[in-house]
N, C-alpha and C. Protein backbone atom coordinates (compact mmCIF):
# COMPACT_ATOMS: atom_id res chain seq x y z
N MET A 1 170.22 134.31 -45.19
CA MET A 1 170.59 134.08 -46.53
C MET A 1 171.89 134.83 -46.83
N LEU A 2 172.80 134.11 -47.49
CA LEU A 2 174.11 134.73 -47.82
C LEU A 2 173.97 135.42 -49.22
N ASN A 3 174.41 136.66 -49.30
CA ASN A 3 174.47 137.35 -50.56
C ASN A 3 175.90 137.19 -51.14
N HIS A 4 175.92 137.28 -52.49
CA HIS A 4 177.20 137.13 -53.17
C HIS A 4 177.81 138.57 -53.36
N TYR A 5 179.06 138.74 -52.96
CA TYR A 5 179.74 140.06 -53.08
C TYR A 5 181.10 139.94 -53.81
N GLU A 6 181.60 141.01 -54.30
CA GLU A 6 182.98 141.02 -54.79
C GLU A 6 183.61 142.28 -54.24
N ALA A 7 184.85 142.19 -53.89
CA ALA A 7 185.54 143.28 -53.33
C ALA A 7 186.96 143.35 -53.98
N VAL A 8 187.31 144.54 -54.45
CA VAL A 8 188.62 144.82 -55.01
C VAL A 8 189.26 145.86 -54.10
N PHE A 9 190.52 145.53 -53.70
CA PHE A 9 191.23 146.57 -52.92
C PHE A 9 192.69 146.64 -53.32
N ILE A 10 193.25 147.91 -53.19
CA ILE A 10 194.54 148.18 -53.60
C ILE A 10 195.41 148.45 -52.35
N LEU A 11 196.48 147.75 -52.28
CA LEU A 11 197.41 147.92 -51.18
C LEU A 11 198.56 148.75 -51.61
N THR A 12 199.19 149.47 -50.67
CA THR A 12 200.29 150.34 -50.96
C THR A 12 201.44 149.57 -51.53
N PRO A 13 202.20 150.14 -52.44
CA PRO A 13 203.29 149.39 -53.12
C PRO A 13 204.59 149.23 -52.31
N VAL A 14 204.69 149.92 -51.14
CA VAL A 14 205.88 149.85 -50.35
C VAL A 14 205.91 148.60 -49.39
N LEU A 15 204.90 147.74 -49.48
CA LEU A 15 204.87 146.59 -48.60
C LEU A 15 205.74 145.45 -49.17
N SER A 16 206.33 144.69 -48.16
CA SER A 16 207.02 143.46 -48.57
C SER A 16 206.03 142.42 -48.90
N ASP A 17 206.47 141.32 -49.46
CA ASP A 17 205.56 140.25 -49.83
C ASP A 17 204.83 139.60 -48.59
N VAL A 18 205.56 139.52 -47.46
CA VAL A 18 205.10 139.03 -46.25
C VAL A 18 203.97 139.95 -45.70
N GLN A 19 204.25 141.31 -45.76
CA GLN A 19 203.26 142.30 -45.19
C GLN A 19 201.95 142.25 -46.09
N MET A 20 202.15 142.09 -47.38
CA MET A 20 200.99 142.07 -48.30
C MET A 20 200.13 140.83 -47.99
N LYS A 21 200.77 139.63 -47.83
CA LYS A 21 200.02 138.44 -47.56
C LYS A 21 199.30 138.52 -46.25
N GLU A 22 199.98 139.16 -45.25
CA GLU A 22 199.37 139.35 -43.96
C GLU A 22 198.16 140.22 -44.01
N ALA A 23 198.15 141.26 -44.81
CA ALA A 23 196.94 142.13 -45.04
C ALA A 23 195.80 141.43 -45.67
N VAL A 24 196.18 140.64 -46.68
CA VAL A 24 195.12 139.88 -47.40
C VAL A 24 194.44 138.84 -46.46
N GLU A 25 195.35 138.18 -45.65
CA GLU A 25 194.79 137.24 -44.67
C GLU A 25 193.92 137.87 -43.66
N LYS A 26 194.29 139.10 -43.24
CA LYS A 26 193.46 139.82 -42.30
C LYS A 26 192.01 140.04 -42.85
N PHE A 27 191.96 140.50 -44.06
CA PHE A 27 190.59 140.75 -44.68
C PHE A 27 189.88 139.49 -44.97
N ARG A 28 190.51 138.44 -45.29
CA ARG A 28 189.93 137.06 -45.51
C ARG A 28 189.35 136.61 -44.20
N SER A 29 190.04 136.79 -43.07
CA SER A 29 189.50 136.31 -41.80
C SER A 29 188.30 137.16 -41.37
N VAL A 30 188.25 138.43 -41.72
CA VAL A 30 187.07 139.23 -41.36
C VAL A 30 185.79 138.63 -41.99
N ILE A 31 185.97 138.13 -43.25
CA ILE A 31 184.82 137.49 -43.93
C ILE A 31 184.43 136.20 -43.32
N THR A 32 185.40 135.36 -43.08
CA THR A 32 185.18 134.02 -42.55
C THR A 32 184.69 134.03 -41.09
N GLU A 33 185.18 134.97 -40.30
CA GLU A 33 184.75 135.06 -38.94
C GLU A 33 183.29 135.49 -38.80
N ASN A 34 182.79 136.21 -39.80
CA ASN A 34 181.44 136.62 -39.78
C ASN A 34 180.52 135.71 -40.58
N GLY A 35 180.88 134.48 -40.64
CA GLY A 35 180.04 133.41 -41.30
C GLY A 35 180.10 133.44 -42.85
N GLY A 36 181.08 134.10 -43.38
CA GLY A 36 181.16 134.16 -44.83
C GLY A 36 181.88 133.00 -45.45
N GLU A 37 181.80 132.86 -46.73
CA GLU A 37 182.43 131.75 -47.48
C GLU A 37 183.13 132.37 -48.68
N MET A 38 184.48 132.13 -48.75
CA MET A 38 185.27 132.62 -49.85
C MET A 38 185.00 131.74 -51.08
N VAL A 39 184.63 132.36 -52.22
CA VAL A 39 184.39 131.61 -53.49
C VAL A 39 185.62 131.63 -54.32
N ASN A 40 186.23 132.82 -54.45
CA ASN A 40 187.43 132.99 -55.24
C ASN A 40 188.23 134.12 -54.69
N GLU A 41 189.54 134.03 -54.92
CA GLU A 41 190.46 135.01 -54.50
C GLU A 41 191.54 135.15 -55.59
N GLU A 42 191.84 136.35 -56.00
CA GLU A 42 192.82 136.63 -57.01
C GLU A 42 193.77 137.66 -56.62
N ASN A 43 195.08 137.50 -56.81
CA ASN A 43 196.06 138.53 -56.59
C ASN A 43 196.54 139.01 -57.92
N TRP A 44 196.16 140.20 -58.39
CA TRP A 44 196.49 140.71 -59.64
C TRP A 44 197.86 141.28 -59.70
N GLY A 45 198.54 141.43 -58.60
CA GLY A 45 199.89 141.85 -58.55
C GLY A 45 200.04 143.40 -58.58
N LEU A 46 201.27 143.82 -58.79
CA LEU A 46 201.61 145.24 -58.81
C LEU A 46 201.20 145.83 -60.15
N ARG A 47 200.30 146.84 -60.14
CA ARG A 47 199.83 147.52 -61.32
C ARG A 47 199.91 149.04 -61.21
N LYS A 48 199.98 149.67 -62.33
CA LYS A 48 200.00 151.10 -62.39
C LYS A 48 198.54 151.63 -62.12
N LEU A 49 198.43 152.64 -61.31
CA LEU A 49 197.16 153.27 -61.03
C LEU A 49 196.82 154.24 -62.18
N ALA A 50 195.58 154.44 -62.41
CA ALA A 50 195.07 155.33 -63.41
C ALA A 50 195.47 156.82 -63.14
N TYR A 51 195.57 157.15 -61.81
CA TYR A 51 195.92 158.45 -61.36
C TYR A 51 196.68 158.31 -60.02
N PRO A 52 197.55 159.21 -59.67
CA PRO A 52 198.25 159.08 -58.41
C PRO A 52 197.30 159.24 -57.22
N ILE A 53 197.50 158.33 -56.25
CA ILE A 53 196.73 158.38 -55.02
C ILE A 53 197.72 158.41 -53.83
N GLN A 54 197.64 159.46 -53.01
CA GLN A 54 198.52 159.58 -51.92
C GLN A 54 200.01 159.56 -52.34
N LYS A 55 200.28 160.24 -53.52
CA LYS A 55 201.54 160.37 -54.15
C LYS A 55 202.15 159.03 -54.54
N LYS A 56 201.34 158.00 -54.76
CA LYS A 56 201.76 156.72 -55.23
C LYS A 56 201.13 156.47 -56.65
N SER A 57 201.93 155.89 -57.54
CA SER A 57 201.42 155.62 -58.91
C SER A 57 201.24 154.19 -59.20
N THR A 58 201.63 153.29 -58.21
CA THR A 58 201.39 151.86 -58.34
C THR A 58 200.71 151.28 -57.06
N GLY A 59 200.21 150.08 -57.19
CA GLY A 59 199.60 149.41 -56.01
C GLY A 59 199.45 147.92 -56.27
N PHE A 60 199.30 147.14 -55.20
CA PHE A 60 198.98 145.75 -55.30
C PHE A 60 197.47 145.50 -55.32
N TYR A 61 196.97 145.00 -56.44
CA TYR A 61 195.53 144.78 -56.61
C TYR A 61 195.17 143.35 -56.12
N ASN A 62 194.05 143.27 -55.47
CA ASN A 62 193.51 141.97 -54.90
C ASN A 62 192.02 141.93 -55.13
N LEU A 63 191.46 140.77 -55.47
CA LEU A 63 190.03 140.60 -55.72
C LEU A 63 189.56 139.42 -54.83
N PHE A 64 188.45 139.71 -54.07
CA PHE A 64 187.81 138.70 -53.29
C PHE A 64 186.42 138.47 -53.91
N ASP A 65 186.02 137.25 -54.05
CA ASP A 65 184.61 136.88 -54.52
C ASP A 65 184.14 135.99 -53.37
N PHE A 66 183.04 136.46 -52.67
CA PHE A 66 182.67 135.74 -51.44
C PHE A 66 181.13 135.87 -51.27
N LYS A 67 180.65 134.97 -50.33
CA LYS A 67 179.30 135.04 -49.83
C LYS A 67 179.28 135.31 -48.38
N VAL A 68 178.45 136.21 -48.01
CA VAL A 68 178.35 136.59 -46.59
C VAL A 68 177.01 137.28 -46.28
N GLN A 69 176.68 137.41 -44.96
CA GLN A 69 175.53 138.10 -44.56
C GLN A 69 175.74 139.62 -44.85
N PRO A 70 174.63 140.33 -45.18
CA PRO A 70 174.86 141.74 -45.52
C PRO A 70 175.43 142.58 -44.39
N ASP A 71 175.15 142.28 -43.10
CA ASP A 71 175.70 143.06 -42.00
C ASP A 71 177.20 142.94 -41.88
N ALA A 72 177.82 141.89 -42.45
CA ALA A 72 179.28 141.75 -42.31
C ALA A 72 180.03 142.64 -43.29
N ILE A 73 179.38 143.15 -44.28
CA ILE A 73 180.02 144.09 -45.21
C ILE A 73 180.46 145.36 -44.53
N ALA A 74 179.61 145.87 -43.54
CA ALA A 74 180.07 147.00 -42.85
C ALA A 74 181.32 146.74 -42.01
N LYS A 75 181.52 145.60 -41.46
CA LYS A 75 182.65 145.21 -40.71
C LYS A 75 183.90 145.12 -41.64
N LEU A 76 183.70 144.55 -42.87
CA LEU A 76 184.79 144.45 -43.79
C LEU A 76 185.31 145.83 -44.23
N GLU A 77 184.32 146.66 -44.57
CA GLU A 77 184.69 147.97 -45.06
C GLU A 77 185.35 148.81 -43.96
N LEU A 78 184.90 148.60 -42.68
CA LEU A 78 185.54 149.30 -41.55
C LEU A 78 186.98 148.85 -41.45
N ALA A 79 187.18 147.53 -41.66
CA ALA A 79 188.66 147.05 -41.61
C ALA A 79 189.47 147.59 -42.75
N PHE A 80 188.83 147.80 -43.91
CA PHE A 80 189.55 148.41 -45.06
C PHE A 80 189.90 149.88 -44.73
N ARG A 81 189.00 150.60 -44.13
CA ARG A 81 189.16 151.98 -43.77
C ARG A 81 190.26 152.19 -42.72
N ARG A 82 190.25 151.34 -41.72
CA ARG A 82 191.21 151.43 -40.62
C ARG A 82 192.65 150.99 -40.94
N ASP A 83 192.76 150.24 -41.99
CA ASP A 83 194.15 149.77 -42.33
C ASP A 83 194.84 150.71 -43.23
N GLU A 84 195.97 151.23 -42.77
CA GLU A 84 196.73 152.30 -43.53
C GLU A 84 197.37 151.71 -44.79
N ARG A 85 197.41 150.37 -44.95
CA ARG A 85 198.01 149.79 -46.14
C ARG A 85 197.13 149.80 -47.32
N VAL A 86 195.80 149.99 -47.09
CA VAL A 86 194.81 150.06 -48.12
C VAL A 86 194.72 151.44 -48.69
N ILE A 87 194.98 151.55 -50.02
CA ILE A 87 194.79 152.80 -50.72
C ILE A 87 193.34 153.09 -51.13
N ARG A 88 192.78 152.09 -51.77
CA ARG A 88 191.39 152.21 -52.22
C ARG A 88 190.73 150.82 -52.09
N PHE A 89 189.37 150.87 -51.99
CA PHE A 89 188.63 149.54 -52.03
C PHE A 89 187.27 149.79 -52.64
N LEU A 90 186.67 148.74 -53.13
CA LEU A 90 185.34 148.79 -53.68
C LEU A 90 184.69 147.50 -53.42
N THR A 91 183.51 147.48 -52.78
CA THR A 91 182.78 146.24 -52.51
C THR A 91 181.42 146.44 -53.07
N PHE A 92 180.92 145.45 -53.81
CA PHE A 92 179.59 145.53 -54.37
C PHE A 92 178.91 144.19 -54.35
N LYS A 93 177.52 144.28 -54.23
CA LYS A 93 176.71 143.07 -54.31
C LYS A 93 176.47 142.63 -55.75
N MET A 94 176.71 141.34 -55.98
CA MET A 94 176.57 140.84 -57.41
C MET A 94 175.14 140.35 -57.57
N ASP A 95 174.58 140.62 -58.75
CA ASP A 95 173.31 140.01 -59.09
C ASP A 95 173.61 138.64 -59.79
N LYS A 96 172.51 137.99 -60.21
CA LYS A 96 172.70 136.64 -60.78
C LYS A 96 173.49 136.69 -62.06
N TYR A 97 173.40 137.71 -62.80
CA TYR A 97 174.14 137.88 -64.05
C TYR A 97 175.63 138.04 -63.76
N ALA A 98 175.95 138.83 -62.84
CA ALA A 98 177.34 139.03 -62.43
C ALA A 98 177.97 137.78 -61.88
N VAL A 99 177.19 137.02 -61.12
CA VAL A 99 177.70 135.77 -60.59
C VAL A 99 177.97 134.79 -61.74
N ALA A 100 177.09 134.69 -62.73
CA ALA A 100 177.22 133.83 -63.83
C ALA A 100 178.50 134.27 -64.64
N TYR A 101 178.68 135.54 -64.81
CA TYR A 101 179.85 136.05 -65.58
C TYR A 101 181.19 135.72 -64.79
N SER A 102 181.11 135.85 -63.51
CA SER A 102 182.28 135.59 -62.73
C SER A 102 182.64 134.08 -62.78
N GLU A 103 181.65 133.24 -62.69
CA GLU A 103 181.95 131.80 -62.78
C GLU A 103 182.52 131.43 -64.21
N LYS A 104 181.92 132.03 -65.25
CA LYS A 104 182.46 131.84 -66.58
C LYS A 104 183.86 132.28 -66.70
N ARG A 105 184.18 133.47 -66.18
CA ARG A 105 185.55 134.02 -66.21
C ARG A 105 186.50 133.17 -65.53
N ARG A 106 186.16 132.64 -64.30
CA ARG A 106 187.05 131.78 -63.59
C ARG A 106 187.29 130.46 -64.37
N LYS A 107 186.27 129.97 -65.05
CA LYS A 107 186.40 128.72 -65.83
C LYS A 107 187.37 128.92 -66.92
N THR A 108 187.29 130.02 -67.67
CA THR A 108 188.18 130.29 -68.80
C THR A 108 189.65 130.46 -68.36
N ILE A 109 189.79 131.16 -67.17
CA ILE A 109 191.18 131.41 -66.63
C ILE A 109 191.73 130.05 -66.33
N LYS A 110 190.93 129.18 -65.67
CA LYS A 110 191.44 127.80 -65.27
C LYS A 110 191.78 126.97 -66.55
N GLU A 111 191.01 127.08 -67.58
CA GLU A 111 191.31 126.36 -68.83
C GLU A 111 192.64 126.87 -69.40
N LYS A 112 192.88 128.16 -69.38
CA LYS A 112 194.06 128.75 -69.97
C LYS A 112 195.29 128.33 -69.18
N LYS A 113 195.16 128.11 -67.86
CA LYS A 113 196.32 127.73 -67.02
C LYS A 113 196.64 126.25 -67.32
N GLU A 114 195.62 125.45 -67.65
CA GLU A 114 195.82 124.04 -67.89
C GLU A 114 196.52 123.78 -69.21
N LYS A 115 196.42 124.70 -70.16
CA LYS A 115 197.06 124.48 -71.49
C LYS A 115 198.56 124.64 -71.46
């Protein structure tokens, strides 16, 4: 049974656009190689951090919404920890209410883009 997860990770701001896309692709492939399915992916861009981390005050934020077996989460988080481009990450299992909220949020974002 596939569980629904959401992962937010922050990449260091000194990356070029190509390096950032390469890092995002690396984490996406960890999910898909372990039998996962990407539901949604968002790049929130360069944002100011709430507090400095590793002497950096900004970072590239990314959000993954995906379904995967629970044992694959350990592999994904290990990939986050080993990659020096990742400043912070958070992965959590979504319950049915969080999944419904996420779907509603995606729908409203899609409607705003169409206007």
